Amino acid sequence: MLSISEIKELLATPQKIVITTHHKPDGDAMGSSLGLYAYLIQMGHHVKVITPTDYPYFLHWLPNNSDVIIYTEQTEEAARLVEEAAMIFCLDFNTLSRINELGELVRASAAYKIMIDHHLEPEDFDDYRHWSINACAAAQLVYEFIVNELQDGKRMNKDIATCLYTGIMTDSGSFRFQSADSAVYRIAADLIDLGAEHWRIHQLVYDNATENRLRFLGHCISNKLEILREFNTAIISVTKEELREFNIVTGDTEGIVNYALSVNGIRLAAFIIERTDKVKLSLRSTGDFPANEICKKYFNGGGHRNAAGGFSDKNLEDTIQEFKTILTEYKTQLLQ
């Protein structure tokens, strides 16, 4: 592993740098990536953010969003940038499978690889790691990397603050999750002092739905919500046909699982979506119930204790039935 002094030495002269983040990036992925981008650009580096796929429309307002390269749309350019990079920052993921085909390009690259992440069980592909499962967001770790590790807080500005606040806000559930401890609030306060307009950021992310998304949400809650009181569990499932009917695009399904979890007495919620190639699952839980254990053990995934995801190669109906069967194994925990 490189030391922080070696990282500082590398960053002391202009470098070709790539920043990348996970498949279907969320607010933390894009906020941390564009926040770090705004910092490195100030230092004179040649920087590009490359995402493996597209990402939600309600994040396109972020500073410097127009400079982002989407791998699936600009494959050749992305591959060239990775090959030419001297440093690659890997944000909000810790295994290269999370960036799809881009992962093999990163693995093969001779660049120094810097991981900044808060997920369990990191893969050993990196040369430097700023990692903590106790952090509420990768954006929190980017803030700490700049301010504490690099000791370069003087370069923090409004663009960086706006991006990092977005990442922290979204991954902490608007500061309501257990991971949002007092240190997170102090960082948020510093970001507000630096120019992050917290009220505007919240509005742009959460009060920016399309009509299709709102009608789809109503359909999910009214027609697709299933409550299993014997397991204190709620399920929302949607078919490919329903996604087409409501013209659902990337970002439109984000957060819907939390509505199922908000039902009184529910300890575990599942949002199960039939996609073109696989059935995707998004799980949320309360307290100490291990949603990530279910995803890792049964659905080729993982994540955090209270927020995890995975997929199944079975059809939608069989996946739902498998999930319900698995609940019997966890009944005691769910009924506590």
C-alpha atoms as a PDB file:
ATOM      1  CA  MET A   1       0.000   0.000   0.000  1.00  0.00           C
ATOM      2  CA  LEU A   2       1.095   3.565  -0.709  1.00  0.00           C
ATOM      3  CA  SER A   3       1.452   5.928   2.232  1.00  0.00           C
ATOM      4  CA  ILE A   4      -0.405   9.226   2.428  1.00  0.00           C
ATOM      5  CA  SER A   5       2.915  11.038   1.979  1.00  0.00           C
ATOM      6  CA  GLU A   6       3.406   9.186  -1.310  1.00  0.00           C
ATOM      7  CA  ILE A   7      -0.126  10.153  -2.377  1.00  0.00           C
ATOM      8  CA  LYS A   8       0.667  13.788  -1.570  1.00  0.00           C
ATOM      9  CA  GLU A   9       3.852  13.539  -3.613  1.00  0.00           C
ATOM     10  CA  LEU A  10       1.978  12.110  -6.584  1.00  0.00           C
ATOM     11  CA  LEU A  11      -0.626  14.876  -6.382  1.00  0.00           C
ATOM     12  CA  ALA A  12       2.031  17.574  -6.139  1.00  0.00           C
ATOM     13  CA  THR A  13       2.496  17.554  -9.931  1.00  0.00           C
ATOM     14  CA  PRO A  14      -0.185  17.428 -12.670  1.00  0.00           C
ATOM     15  CA  GLN A  15      -1.394  13.892 -13.365  1.00  0.00           C
ATOM     16  CA  LYS A  16      -3.872  12.218 -15.678  1.00  0.00           C
ATOM     17  CA  ILE A  17      -6.552  11.041 -13.262  1.00  0.00           C
ATOM     18  CA  VAL A  18      -9.744   9.024 -13.654  1.00  0.00           C
ATOM     19  CA  ILE A  19     -12.484   8.957 -11.014  1.00  0.00           C
ATOM     20  CA  THR A  20     -15.013   6.155 -11.261  1.00  0.00           C
ATOM     21  CA  THR A  21     -17.912   4.875  -9.197  1.00  0.00           C
ATOM     22  CA  HIS A  22     -20.409   2.044  -9.124  1.00  0.00           C
ATOM     23  CA  HIS A  23     -23.038   0.837 -11.614  1.00  0.00           C
ATOM     24  CA  LYS A  24     -26.205   3.006 -11.688  1.00  0.00           C
ATOM     25  CA  PRO A  25     -24.645   5.717  -9.502  1.00  0.00           C
ATOM     26  CA  ASP A  26     -26.735   7.286  -6.752  1.00  0.00           C
ATOM     27  CA  GLY A  27     -26.412  10.617  -4.956  1.00  0.00           C
ATOM     28  CA  ASP A  28     -23.417   9.526  -2.895  1.00  0.00           C
ATOM     29  CA  ALA A  29     -21.609   8.040  -5.883  1.00  0.00           C
ATOM     30  CA  MET A  30     -22.032  11.160  -8.019  1.00  0.00           C
ATOM     31  CA  GLY A  31     -21.643  13.615  -5.146  1.00  0.00           C
ATOM     32  CA  SER A  32     -18.376  12.100  -3.947  1.00  0.00           C
ATOM     33  CA  SER A  33     -17.029  11.726  -7.506  1.00  0.00           C
ATOM     34  CA  LEU A  34     -17.826  15.268  -8.631  1.00  0.00           C
ATOM     35  CA  GLY A  35     -16.703  16.673  -5.281  1.00  0.00           C
ATOM     36  CA  LEU A  36     -13.301  15.030  -5.650  1.00  0.00           C
ATOM     37  CA  TYR A  37     -13.225  16.126  -9.313  1.00  0.00           C
ATOM     38  CA  ALA A  38     -13.726  19.772  -8.317  1.00  0.00           C
ATOM     39  CA  TYR A  39     -10.884  19.470  -5.807  1.00  0.00           C
ATOM     40  CA  LEU A  40      -8.382  17.831  -8.181  1.00  0.00           C
ATOM     41  CA  ILE A  41      -9.124  20.249 -11.022  1.00  0.00           C
ATOM     42  CA  GLN A  42      -8.053  23.108  -8.747  1.00  0.00           C
ATOM     43  CA  MET A  43      -4.669  21.440  -8.366  1.00  0.00           C
ATOM     44  CA  GLY A  44      -4.082  21.434 -12.105  1.00  0.00           C
ATOM     45  CA  HIS A  45      -4.677  17.751 -12.766  1.00  0.00           C
ATOM     46  CA  HIS A  46      -6.263  16.399 -15.948  1.00  0.00           C
ATOM     47  CA  VAL A  47      -9.348  14.682 -14.494  1.00  0.00           C
ATOM     48  CA  LYS A  48     -12.303  12.758 -15.880  1.00  0.00           C
ATOM     49  CA  VAL A  49     -15.218  11.150 -14.050  1.00  0.00           C
ATOM     50  CA  ILE A  50     -16.285   7.918 -15.758  1.00  0.00           C
ATOM     51  CA  THR A  51     -19.493   6.171 -14.689  1.00  0.00           C
ATOM     52  CA  PRO A  52     -20.177   2.577 -15.768  1.00  0.00           C
ATOM     53  CA  THR A  53     -23.782   3.449 -16.708  1.00  0.00           C
ATOM     54  CA  ASP A  54     -26.218   6.333 -16.771  1.00  0.00           C
ATOM     55  CA  TYR A  55     -27.574   7.810 -13.543  1.00  0.00           C
ATOM     56  CA  PRO A  56     -30.717   9.614 -12.304  1.00  0.00           C
ATOM     57  CA  TYR A  57     -31.834  12.843 -13.974  1.00  0.00           C
ATOM     58  CA  PHE A  58     -32.250  14.508 -10.574  1.00  0.00           C
ATOM     59  CA  LEU A  59     -28.453  14.467 -10.167  1.00  0.00           C
ATOM     60  CA  HIS A  60     -27.640  16.138 -13.481  1.00  0.00           C
ATOM     61  CA  TRP A  61     -27.627  19.607 -11.885  1.00  0.00           C
ATOM     62  CA  LEU A  62     -24.513  18.824  -9.841  1.00  0.00           C
ATOM     63  CA  PRO A  63     -21.512  21.102 -10.553  1.00  0.00           C
ATOM     64  CA  ASN A  64     -19.382  19.821 -13.473  1.00  0.00           C
ATOM     65  CA  ASN A  65     -21.931  17.134 -14.388  1.00  0.00           C
ATOM     66  CA  SER A  66     -21.447  18.020 -18.073  1.00  0.00           C
ATOM     67  CA  ASP A  67     -17.872  16.698 -17.871  1.00  0.00           C
ATOM     68  CA  VAL A  68     -18.946  13.164 -16.873  1.00  0.00           C
ATOM     69  CA  ILE A  69     -18.269  10.345 -19.343  1.00  0.00           C
ATOM     70  CA  ILE A  70     -20.716   7.420 -19.359  1.00  0.00           C
ATOM     71  CA  TYR A  71     -18.865   4.222 -20.262  1.00  0.00           C
ATOM     72  CA  THR A  72     -21.761   2.559 -22.088  1.00  0.00           C
ATOM     73  CA  GLU A  73     -22.161   5.627 -24.303  1.00  0.00           C
ATOM     74  CA  GLN A  74     -18.488   6.547 -24.830  1.00  0.00           C
ATOM     75  CA  THR A  75     -16.744   3.198 -24.483  1.00  0.00           C
ATOM     76  CA  GLU A  76     -13.653   3.881 -26.590  1.00  0.00           C
ATOM     77  CA  GLU A  77     -12.896   7.242 -25.003  1.00  0.00           C
ATOM     78  CA  ALA A  78     -13.401   5.818 -21.514  1.00  0.00           C
ATOM     79  CA  ALA A  79     -11.069   2.903 -22.249  1.00  0.00           C
ATOM     80  CA  ARG A  80      -8.394   5.281 -23.553  1.00  0.00           C
ATOM     81  CA  LEU A  81      -8.631   7.491 -20.470  1.00  0.00           C
ATOM     82  CA  VAL A  82      -8.292   4.511 -18.134  1.00  0.00           C
ATOM     83  CA  GLU A  83      -5.283   3.212 -20.079  1.00  0.00           C
ATOM     84  CA  GLU A  84      -3.566   6.615 -19.992  1.00  0.00           C
ATOM     85  CA  ALA A  85      -4.339   7.403 -16.353  1.00  0.00           C
ATOM     86  CA  ALA A  86      -1.591   7.677 -13.770  1.00  0.00           C
ATOM     87  CA  MET A  87      -4.099   7.503 -10.900  1.00  0.00           C
ATOM     88  CA  ILE A  88      -7.591   6.025 -10.654  1.00  0.00           C
ATOM     89  CA  PHE A  89      -9.848   6.947  -7.747  1.00  0.00           C
ATOM     90  CA  CYS A  90     -12.468   4.271  -7.010  1.00  0.00           C
ATOM     91  CA  LEU A  91     -15.325   5.825  -5.051  1.00  0.00           C
ATOM     92  CA  ASP A  92     -18.276   4.240  -3.247  1.00  0.00           C
ATOM     93  CA  PHE A  93     -17.426   0.673  -4.265  1.00  0.00           C
ATOM     94  CA  ASN A  94     -14.806  -1.829  -3.156  1.00  0.00           C
ATOM     95  CA  THR A  95     -14.965  -4.657  -5.668  1.00  0.00           C
ATOM     96  CA  LEU A  96     -14.363  -4.238  -9.389  1.00  0.00           C
ATOM     97  CA  SER A  97     -17.445  -6.253 -10.329  1.00  0.00           C
ATOM     98  CA  ARG A  98     -19.490  -3.217  -9.172  1.00  0.00           C
ATOM     99  CA  ILE A  99     -18.328  -1.250 -12.235  1.00  0.00           C
ATOM    100  CA  ASN A 100     -19.218  -3.929 -14.800  1.00  0.00           C
ATOM    101  CA  GLU A 101     -16.987  -4.139 -17.910  1.00  0.00           C
ATOM    102  CA  LEU A 102     -15.098  -1.073 -16.743  1.00  0.00           C
ATOM    103  CA  GLY A 103     -13.750  -3.200 -13.881  1.00  0.00           C
ATOM    104  CA  GLU A 104     -11.463  -5.284 -16.076  1.00  0.00           C
ATOM    105  CA  LEU A 105     -10.023  -2.145 -17.669  1.00  0.00           C
ATOM    106  CA  VAL A 106      -9.287  -0.715 -14.236  1.00  0.00           C
ATOM    107  CA  ARG A 107      -7.757  -4.001 -13.085  1.00  0.00           C
ATOM    108  CA  ALA A 108      -5.460  -4.100 -16.114  1.00  0.00           C
ATOM    109  CA  SER A 109      -4.413  -0.468 -15.786  1.00  0.00           C
ATOM    110  CA  ALA A 110      -0.914   0.346 -14.536  1.00  0.00           C
ATOM    111  CA  ALA A 111      -2.305   3.386 -12.708  1.00  0.00           C
ATOM    112  CA  TYR A 112      -2.180   3.750  -8.951  1.00  0.00           C
ATOM    113  CA  LYS A 113      -5.629   2.840  -7.622  1.00  0.00           C
ATOM    114  CA  ILE A 114      -7.053   4.724  -4.639  1.00  0.00           C
ATOM    115  CA  MET A 115     -10.172   3.327  -2.954  1.00  0.00           C
ATOM    116  CA  ILE A 116     -12.442   5.629  -0.944  1.00  0.00           C
ATOM    117  CA  ASP A 117     -15.367   3.584   0.329  1.00  0.00           C
ATOM    118  CA  HIS A 118     -17.569   2.483   3.219  1.00  0.00           C
ATOM    119  CA  HIS A 119     -18.795  -0.984   2.211  1.00  0.00           C
ATOM    120  CA  LEU A 120     -17.941  -4.316   3.804  1.00  0.00           C
ATOM    121  CA  GLU A 121     -15.257  -6.742   2.604  1.00  0.00           C
ATOM    122  CA  PRO A 122     -13.109  -4.730   0.167  1.00  0.00           C
ATOM    123  CA  GLU A 123     -11.357  -6.540  -2.671  1.00  0.00           C
ATOM    124  CA  ASP A 124      -7.572  -6.177  -2.772  1.00  0.00           C
ATOM    125  CA  PHE A 125      -7.119  -4.328  -6.063  1.00  0.00           C
ATOM    126  CA  ASP A 126      -6.088  -0.934  -4.639  1.00  0.00           C
ATOM    127  CA  ASP A 127      -2.768   0.749  -3.811  1.00  0.00           C
ATOM    128  CA  TYR A 128      -4.176   3.138  -1.203  1.00  0.00           C
ATOM    129  CA  ARG A 129      -7.349   2.820   0.838  1.00  0.00           C
ATOM    130  CA  HIS A 130      -9.344   5.389   2.790  1.00  0.00           C
ATOM    131  CA  TRP A 131     -12.069   3.062   4.034  1.00  0.00           C
ATOM    132  CA  SER A 132     -14.453   2.852   6.964  1.00  0.00           C
ATOM    133  CA  ILE A 133     -17.698   0.922   7.332  1.00  0.00           C
ATOM    134  CA  ASN A 134     -18.695   3.420  10.036  1.00  0.00           C
ATOM    135  CA  ALA A 135     -18.864   6.325   7.595  1.00  0.00           C
ATOM    136  CA  CYS A 136     -22.388   7.243   6.510  1.00  0.00           C
ATOM    137  CA  ALA A 137     -21.296   8.013   2.942  1.00  0.00           C
ATOM    138  CA  ALA A 138     -18.348   7.921   0.578  1.00  0.00           C
ATOM    139  CA  ALA A 139     -18.754  11.693   0.396  1.00  0.00           C
ATOM    140  CA  GLN A 140     -17.938  11.893   4.107  1.00  0.00           C
ATOM    141  CA  LEU A 141     -14.733   9.950   3.438  1.00  0.00           C
ATOM    142  CA  VAL A 142     -13.819  12.228   0.517  1.00  0.00           C
ATOM    143  CA  TYR A 143     -14.211  15.211   2.852  1.00  0.00           C
ATOM    144  CA  GLU A 144     -11.977  13.517   5.431  1.00  0.00           C
ATOM    145  CA  PHE A 145      -9.473  12.529   2.725  1.00  0.00           C
ATOM    146  CA  ILE A 146      -9.094  16.145   1.567  1.00  0.00           C
ATOM    147  CA  VAL A 147      -9.270  17.872   4.941  1.00  0.00           C
ATOM    148  CA  ASN A 148      -7.617  15.356   7.275  1.00  0.00           C
ATOM    149  CA  GLU A 149      -5.462  13.041   5.155  1.00  0.00           C
ATOM    150  CA  LEU A 150      -4.187  15.547   2.590  1.00  0.00           C
ATOM    151  CA  GLN A 151      -4.542  18.431   5.083  1.00  0.00           C
ATOM    152  CA  ASP A 152      -5.729  20.660   2.250  1.00  0.00           C
ATOM    153  CA  GLY A 153      -8.984  22.093   3.570  1.00  0.00           C
ATOM    154  CA  LYS A 154      -8.049  25.513   2.197  1.00  0.00           C
ATOM    155  CA  ARG A 155      -9.029  24.308  -1.275  1.00  0.00           C
ATOM    156  CA  MET A 156     -12.572  23.442  -0.227  1.00  0.00           C
ATOM    157  CA  ASN A 157     -15.057  25.626  -2.114  1.00  0.00           C
ATOM    158  CA  LYS A 158     -18.761  25.884  -2.894  1.00  0.00           C
ATOM    159  CA  ASP A 159     -18.727  23.337  -5.743  1.00  0.00           C
ATOM    160  CA  ILE A 160     -16.955  20.733  -3.622  1.00  0.00           C
ATOM    161  CA  ALA A 161     -19.220  21.459  -0.658  1.00  0.00           C
ATOM    162  CA  THR A 162     -22.372  21.189  -2.780  1.00  0.00           C
ATOM    163  CA  CYS A 163     -21.365  17.810  -4.181  1.00  0.00           C
ATOM    164  CA  LEU A 164     -20.234  16.335  -0.870  1.00  0.00           C
ATOM    165  CA  TYR A 165     -23.314  17.595   0.974  1.00  0.00           C
ATOM    166  CA  THR A 166     -25.469  15.904  -1.686  1.00  0.00           C
ATOM    167  CA  GLY A 167     -23.653  12.617  -1.145  1.00  0.00           C
ATOM    168  CA  ILE A 168     -23.919  12.757   2.639  1.00  0.00           C
ATOM    169  CA  MET A 169     -27.560  13.850   2.584  1.00  0.00           C
ATOM    170  CA  THR A 170     -28.695  11.075   0.247  1.00  0.00           C
ATOM    171  CA  ASP A 171     -26.740   8.199   1.807  1.00  0.00           C
ATOM    172  CA  SER A 172     -27.705   9.158   5.355  1.00  0.00           C
ATOM    173  CA  GLY A 173     -31.409   9.265   4.481  1.00  0.00           C
ATOM    174  CA  SER A 174     -31.457  13.026   5.011  1.00  0.00           C
ATOM    175  CA  PHE A 175     -29.465  12.551   8.246  1.00  0.00           C
ATOM    176  CA  ARG A 176     -31.948  10.129   9.788  1.00  0.00           C
ATOM    177  CA  PHE A 177     -29.924   6.891   9.682  1.00  0.00           C
ATOM    178  CA  GLN A 178     -27.864   5.650  12.640  1.00  0.00           C
ATOM    179  CA  SER A 179     -24.672   6.324  10.706  1.00  0.00           C
ATOM    180  CA  ALA A 180     -25.357  10.088  10.809  1.00  0.00           C
ATOM    181  CA  ASP A 181     -23.499  10.704  14.062  1.00  0.00           C
ATOM    182  CA  SER A 182     -22.383  14.052  15.487  1.00  0.00           C
ATOM    183  CA  ALA A 183     -19.248  14.053  13.327  1.00  0.00           C
ATOM    184  CA  VAL A 184     -21.441  13.920  10.210  1.00  0.00           C
ATOM    185  CA  TYR A 185     -23.451  16.915  11.405  1.00  0.00           C
ATOM    186  CA  ARG A 186     -20.231  18.858  12.018  1.00  0.00           C
ATOM    187  CA  ILE A 187     -19.060  18.064   8.486  1.00  0.00           C
ATOM    188  CA  ALA A 188     -22.462  19.094   7.101  1.00  0.00           C
ATOM    189  CA  ALA A 189     -22.257  22.382   9.004  1.00  0.00           C
ATOM    190  CA  ASP A 190     -18.802  23.033   7.552  1.00  0.00           C
ATOM    191  CA  LEU A 191     -20.096  22.301   4.039  1.00  0.00           C
ATOM    192  CA  ILE A 192     -22.980  24.747   4.570  1.00  0.00           C
ATOM    193  CA  ASP A 193     -20.484  27.375   5.756  1.00  0.00           C
ATOM    194  CA  LEU A 194     -18.530  26.736   2.548  1.00  0.00           C
ATOM    195  CA  GLY A 195     -21.590  27.531   0.439  1.00  0.00           C
ATOM    196  CA  ALA A 196     -23.671  24.353   0.161  1.00  0.00           C
ATOM    197  CA  GLU A 197     -27.294  25.532  -0.025  1.00  0.00           C
ATOM    198  CA  HIS A 198     -28.827  22.663   1.929  1.00  0.00           C
ATOM    199  CA  TRP A 199     -32.439  23.676   1.247  1.00  0.00           C
ATOM    200  CA  ARG A 200     -31.825  23.946  -2.511  1.00  0.00           C
ATOM    201  CA  ILE A 201     -29.942  20.640  -2.672  1.00  0.00           C
ATOM    202  CA  HIS A 202     -32.804  18.854  -0.915  1.00  0.00           C
ATOM    203  CA  GLN A 203     -35.323  20.391  -3.284  1.00  0.00           C
ATOM    204  CA  LEU A 204     -33.355  19.460  -6.416  1.00  0.00           C
ATOM    205  CA  VAL A 205     -32.933  15.849  -5.304  1.00  0.00           C
ATOM    206  CA  TYR A 206     -36.233  15.057  -3.576  1.00  0.00           C
ATOM    207  CA  ASP A 207     -38.746  17.514  -5.018  1.00  0.00           C
ATOM    208  CA  ASN A 208     -37.872  17.007  -8.656  1.00  0.00           C
ATOM    209  CA  ALA A 209     -39.985  14.016  -9.749  1.00  0.00           C
ATOM    210  CA  THR A 210     -41.452  13.567 -13.204  1.00  0.00           C
ATOM    211  CA  GLU A 211     -45.184  12.996 -13.545  1.00  0.00           C
ATOM    212  CA  ASN A 212     -44.475   9.411 -14.644  1.00  0.00           C
ATOM    213  CA  ARG A 213     -42.426   8.753 -11.529  1.00  0.00           C
ATOM    214  CA  LEU A 214     -45.137  10.108  -9.227  1.00  0.00           C
ATOM    215  CA  ARG A 215     -47.884   8.068 -10.914  1.00  0.00           C
ATOM    216  CA  PHE A 216     -45.670   4.972 -10.764  1.00  0.00           C
ATOM    217  CA  LEU A 217     -45.082   5.541  -7.039  1.00  0.00           C
ATOM    218  CA  GLY A 218     -48.839   5.737  -6.487  1.00  0.00           C
ATOM    219  CA  HIS A 219     -49.305   2.512  -8.439  1.00  0.00           C
ATOM    220  CA  CYS A 220     -46.648   0.727  -6.357  1.00  0.00           C
ATOM    221  CA  ILE A 221     -48.158   1.774  -3.044  1.00  0.00           C
ATOM    222  CA  SER A 222     -51.792   1.312  -4.028  1.00  0.00           C
ATOM    223  CA  ASN A 223     -51.578  -1.867  -6.072  1.00  0.00           C
ATOM    224  CA  LYS A 224     -48.264  -3.642  -5.479  1.00  0.00           C
ATOM    225  CA  LEU A 225     -47.594  -3.357  -1.741  1.00  0.00           C
ATOM    226  CA  GLU A 226     -47.847  -6.714   0.062  1.00  0.00           C
ATOM    227  CA  ILE A 227     -47.663  -6.839   3.852  1.00  0.00           C
ATOM    228  CA  LEU A 228     -46.553 -10.068   5.539  1.00  0.00           C
ATOM    229  CA  ARG A 229     -47.418  -9.411   9.174  1.00  0.00           C
ATOM    230  CA  GLU A 230     -46.271 -12.882  10.194  1.00  0.00           C
ATOM    231  CA  PHE A 231     -42.734 -11.759   9.298  1.00  0.00           C
ATOM    232  CA  ASN A 232     -43.019  -7.979   9.876  1.00  0.00           C
ATOM    233  CA  THR A 233     -42.028  -7.665   6.225  1.00  0.00           C
ATOM    234  CA  ALA A 234     -43.328  -5.658   3.267  1.00  0.00           C
ATOM    235  CA  ILE A 235     -42.776  -6.367  -0.422  1.00  0.00           C
ATOM    236  CA  ILE A 236     -43.277  -4.224  -3.506  1.00  0.00           C
ATOM    237  CA  SER A 237     -42.720  -6.006  -6.816  1.00  0.00           C
ATOM    238  CA  VAL A 238     -42.971  -4.680 -10.365  1.00  0.00           C
ATOM    239  CA  THR A 239     -42.863  -6.300 -13.789  1.00  0.00           C
ATOM    240  CA  LYS A 240     -41.099  -5.264 -16.971  1.00  0.00           C
ATOM    241  CA  GLU A 241     -44.501  -4.438 -18.434  1.00  0.00           C
ATOM    242  CA  GLU A 242     -45.266  -2.032 -15.580  1.00  0.00           C
ATOM    243  CA  LEU A 243     -41.914  -0.300 -16.045  1.00  0.00           C
ATOM    244  CA  ARG A 244     -42.754   0.196 -19.723  1.00  0.00           C
ATOM    245  CA  GLU A 245     -46.316   1.290 -18.988  1.00  0.00           C
ATOM    246  CA  PHE A 246     -45.112   4.168 -16.818  1.00  0.00           C
ATOM    247  CA  ASN A 247     -42.082   4.957 -19.024  1.00  0.00           C
ATOM    248  CA  ILE A 248     -39.734   4.409 -16.093  1.00  0.00           C
ATOM    249  CA  VAL A 249     -36.170   5.663 -16.554  1.00  0.00           C
ATOM    250  CA  THR A 250     -33.024   5.480 -14.414  1.00  0.00           C
ATOM    251  CA  GLY A 251     -33.715   7.009 -11.009  1.00  0.00           C
ATOM    252  CA  ASP A 252     -37.493   6.641 -11.065  1.00  0.00           C
ATOM    253  CA  THR A 253     -37.455   3.571  -8.790  1.00  0.00           C
ATOM    254  CA  GLU A 254     -34.986   5.006  -6.288  1.00  0.00           C
ATOM    255  CA  GLY A 255     -36.262   5.252  -2.731  1.00  0.00           C
ATOM    256  CA  ILE A 256     -39.540   3.418  -3.311  1.00  0.00           C
ATOM    257  CA  VAL A 257     -38.458   0.605  -0.998  1.00  0.00           C
ATOM    258  CA  ASN A 258     -38.402   3.106   1.879  1.00  0.00           C
ATOM    259  CA  TYR A 259     -42.167   3.603   1.582  1.00  0.00           C
ATOM    260  CA  ALA A 260     -42.635  -0.097   2.302  1.00  0.00           C
ATOM    261  CA  LEU A 261     -40.300   0.153   5.292  1.00  0.00           C
ATOM    262  CA  SER A 262     -42.256   3.128   6.653  1.00  0.00           C
ATOM    263  CA  VAL A 263     -45.327   0.986   7.415  1.00  0.00           C
ATOM    264  CA  ASN A 264     -45.859   0.699  11.162  1.00  0.00           C
ATOM    265  CA  GLY A 265     -44.276  -2.473  12.573  1.00  0.00           C
ATOM    266  CA  ILE A 266     -42.305  -3.400   9.451  1.00  0.00           C
ATOM    267  CA  ARG A 267     -38.702  -4.473  10.081  1.00  0.00           C
ATOM    268  CA  LEU A 268     -37.751  -5.577   6.561  1.00  0.00           C
ATOM    269  CA  ALA A 269     -38.823  -4.205   3.187  1.00  0.00           C
ATOM    270  CA  ALA A 270     -38.076  -5.542  -0.286  1.00  0.00           C
ATOM    271  CA  PHE A 271     -38.419  -3.859  -3.657  1.00  0.00           C
ATOM    272  CA  ILE A 272     -38.209  -6.539  -6.341  1.00  0.00           C
ATOM    273  CA  ILE A 273     -37.970  -5.440  -9.978  1.00  0.00           C
ATOM    274  CA  GLU A 274     -38.085  -7.524 -13.128  1.00  0.00           C
ATOM    275  CA  ARG A 275     -35.396  -6.135 -15.417  1.00  0.00           C
ATOM    276  CA  THR A 276     -34.506  -7.229 -18.947  1.00  0.00           C
ATOM    277  CA  ASP A 277     -31.761  -9.653 -17.918  1.00  0.00           C
ATOM    278  CA  LYS A 278     -32.257 -10.303 -14.199  1.00  0.00           C
ATOM    279  CA  VAL A 279     -34.572  -9.711 -11.277  1.00  0.00           C
ATOM    280  CA  LYS A 280     -33.109  -7.034  -8.984  1.00  0.00           C
ATOM    281  CA  LEU A 281     -33.764  -6.820  -5.247  1.00  0.00           C
ATOM    282  CA  SER A 282     -33.364  -3.835  -2.958  1.00  0.00           C
ATOM    283  CA  LEU A 283     -33.719  -4.512   0.776  1.00  0.00           C
ATOM    284  CA  ARG A 284     -34.060  -2.098   3.696  1.00  0.00           C
ATOM    285  CA  SER A 285     -34.313  -2.978   7.367  1.00  0.00           C
ATOM    286  CA  THR A 286     -34.525  -1.396  10.791  1.00  0.00           C
ATOM    287  CA  GLY A 287     -32.455  -1.936  13.927  1.00  0.00           C
ATOM    288  CA  ASP A 288     -29.915  -4.728  13.782  1.00  0.00           C
ATOM    289  CA  PHE A 289     -31.683  -6.896  11.195  1.00  0.00           C
ATOM    290  CA  PRO A 290     -29.049  -7.980   8.590  1.00  0.00           C
ATOM    291  CA  ALA A 291     -30.514  -7.168   5.177  1.00  0.00           C
ATOM    292  CA  ASN A 292     -27.017  -7.529   3.717  1.00  0.00           C
ATOM    293  CA  GLU A 293     -26.774 -11.116   4.961  1.00  0.00           C
ATOM    294  CA  ILE A 294     -29.845 -12.141   2.956  1.00  0.00           C
ATOM    295  CA  CYS A 295     -28.494 -10.467  -0.193  1.00  0.00           C
ATOM    296  CA  LYS A 296     -25.036 -11.993   0.178  1.00  0.00           C
ATOM    297  CA  LYS A 297     -26.238 -15.483   1.086  1.00  0.00           C
ATOM    298  CA  TYR A 298     -29.070 -15.855  -1.411  1.00  0.00           C
ATOM    299  CA  PHE A 299     -29.034 -13.112  -4.050  1.00  0.00           C
ATOM    300  CA  ASN A 300     -25.463 -12.598  -5.285  1.00  0.00           C
ATOM    301  CA  GLY A 301     -25.163  -9.241  -3.540  1.00  0.00           C
ATOM    302  CA  GLY A 302     -24.475  -7.485  -0.275  1.00  0.00           C
ATOM    303  CA  GLY A 303     -24.239  -3.990   1.117  1.00  0.00           C
ATOM    304  CA  HIS A 304     -24.845  -2.439   4.510  1.00  0.00           C
ATOM    305  CA  ARG A 305     -26.727  -4.017   7.405  1.00  0.00           C
ATOM    306  CA  ASN A 306     -29.849  -1.888   6.832  1.00  0.00           C
ATOM    307  CA  ALA A 307     -29.501  -1.249   3.083  1.00  0.00           C
ATOM    308  CA  ALA A 308     -28.491  -3.949   0.640  1.00  0.00           C
ATOM    309  CA  GLY A 309     -29.108  -5.225  -2.850  1.00  0.00           C
ATOM    310  CA  GLY A 310     -28.763  -8.261  -5.054  1.00  0.00           C
ATOM    311  CA  PHE A 311     -30.175 -10.092  -8.044  1.00  0.00           C
ATOM    312  CA  SER A 312     -31.684 -13.388  -9.112  1.00  0.00           C
ATOM    313  CA  ASP A 313     -31.529 -15.305 -12.382  1.00  0.00           C
ATOM    314  CA  LYS A 314     -34.968 -16.768 -11.667  1.00  0.00           C
ATOM    315  CA  ASN A 315     -38.155 -15.184 -12.986  1.00  0.00           C
ATOM    316  CA  LEU A 316     -40.024 -12.595 -10.922  1.00  0.00           C
ATOM    317  CA  GLU A 317     -42.614 -14.972  -9.477  1.00  0.00           C
ATOM    318  CA  ASP A 318     -40.014 -17.545  -8.413  1.00  0.00           C
ATOM    319  CA  THR A 319     -37.764 -14.851  -6.926  1.00  0.00           C
ATOM    320  CA  ILE A 320     -40.608 -13.506  -4.802  1.00  0.00           C
ATOM    321  CA  GLN A 321     -41.449 -17.030  -3.632  1.00  0.00           C
ATOM    322  CA  GLU A 322     -37.802 -17.715  -2.790  1.00  0.00           C
ATOM    323  CA  PHE A 323     -37.623 -14.490  -0.787  1.00  0.00           C
ATOM    324  CA  LYS A 324     -40.745 -15.421   1.169  1.00  0.00           C
ATOM    325  CA  THR A 325     -39.339 -18.882   1.902  1.00  0.00           C
ATOM    326  CA  ILE A 326     -36.100 -17.361   3.182  1.00  0.00           C
ATOM    327  CA  LEU A 327     -38.072 -15.253   5.665  1.00  0.00           C
ATOM    328  CA  THR A 328     -38.893 -18.357   7.713  1.00  0.00           C
ATOM    329  CA  GLU A 329     -35.196 -18.657   8.554  1.00  0.00           C
ATOM    330  CA  TYR A 330     -35.227 -15.121   9.995  1.00  0.00           C
ATOM    331  CA  LYS A 331     -38.664 -15.173  11.617  1.00  0.00           C
ATOM    332  CA  THR A 332     -37.402 -14.912  15.204  1.00  0.00           C
ATOM    333  CA  GLN A 333     -35.265 -11.874  14.393  1.00  0.00           C
ATOM    334  CA  LEU A 334     -38.040 -10.221  12.411  1.00  0.00           C
ATOM    335  CA  LEU A 335     -40.529 -10.586  15.220  1.00  0.00           C
ATOM    336  CA  GLN A 336     -38.270  -9.246  17.966  1.00  0.00           C
END
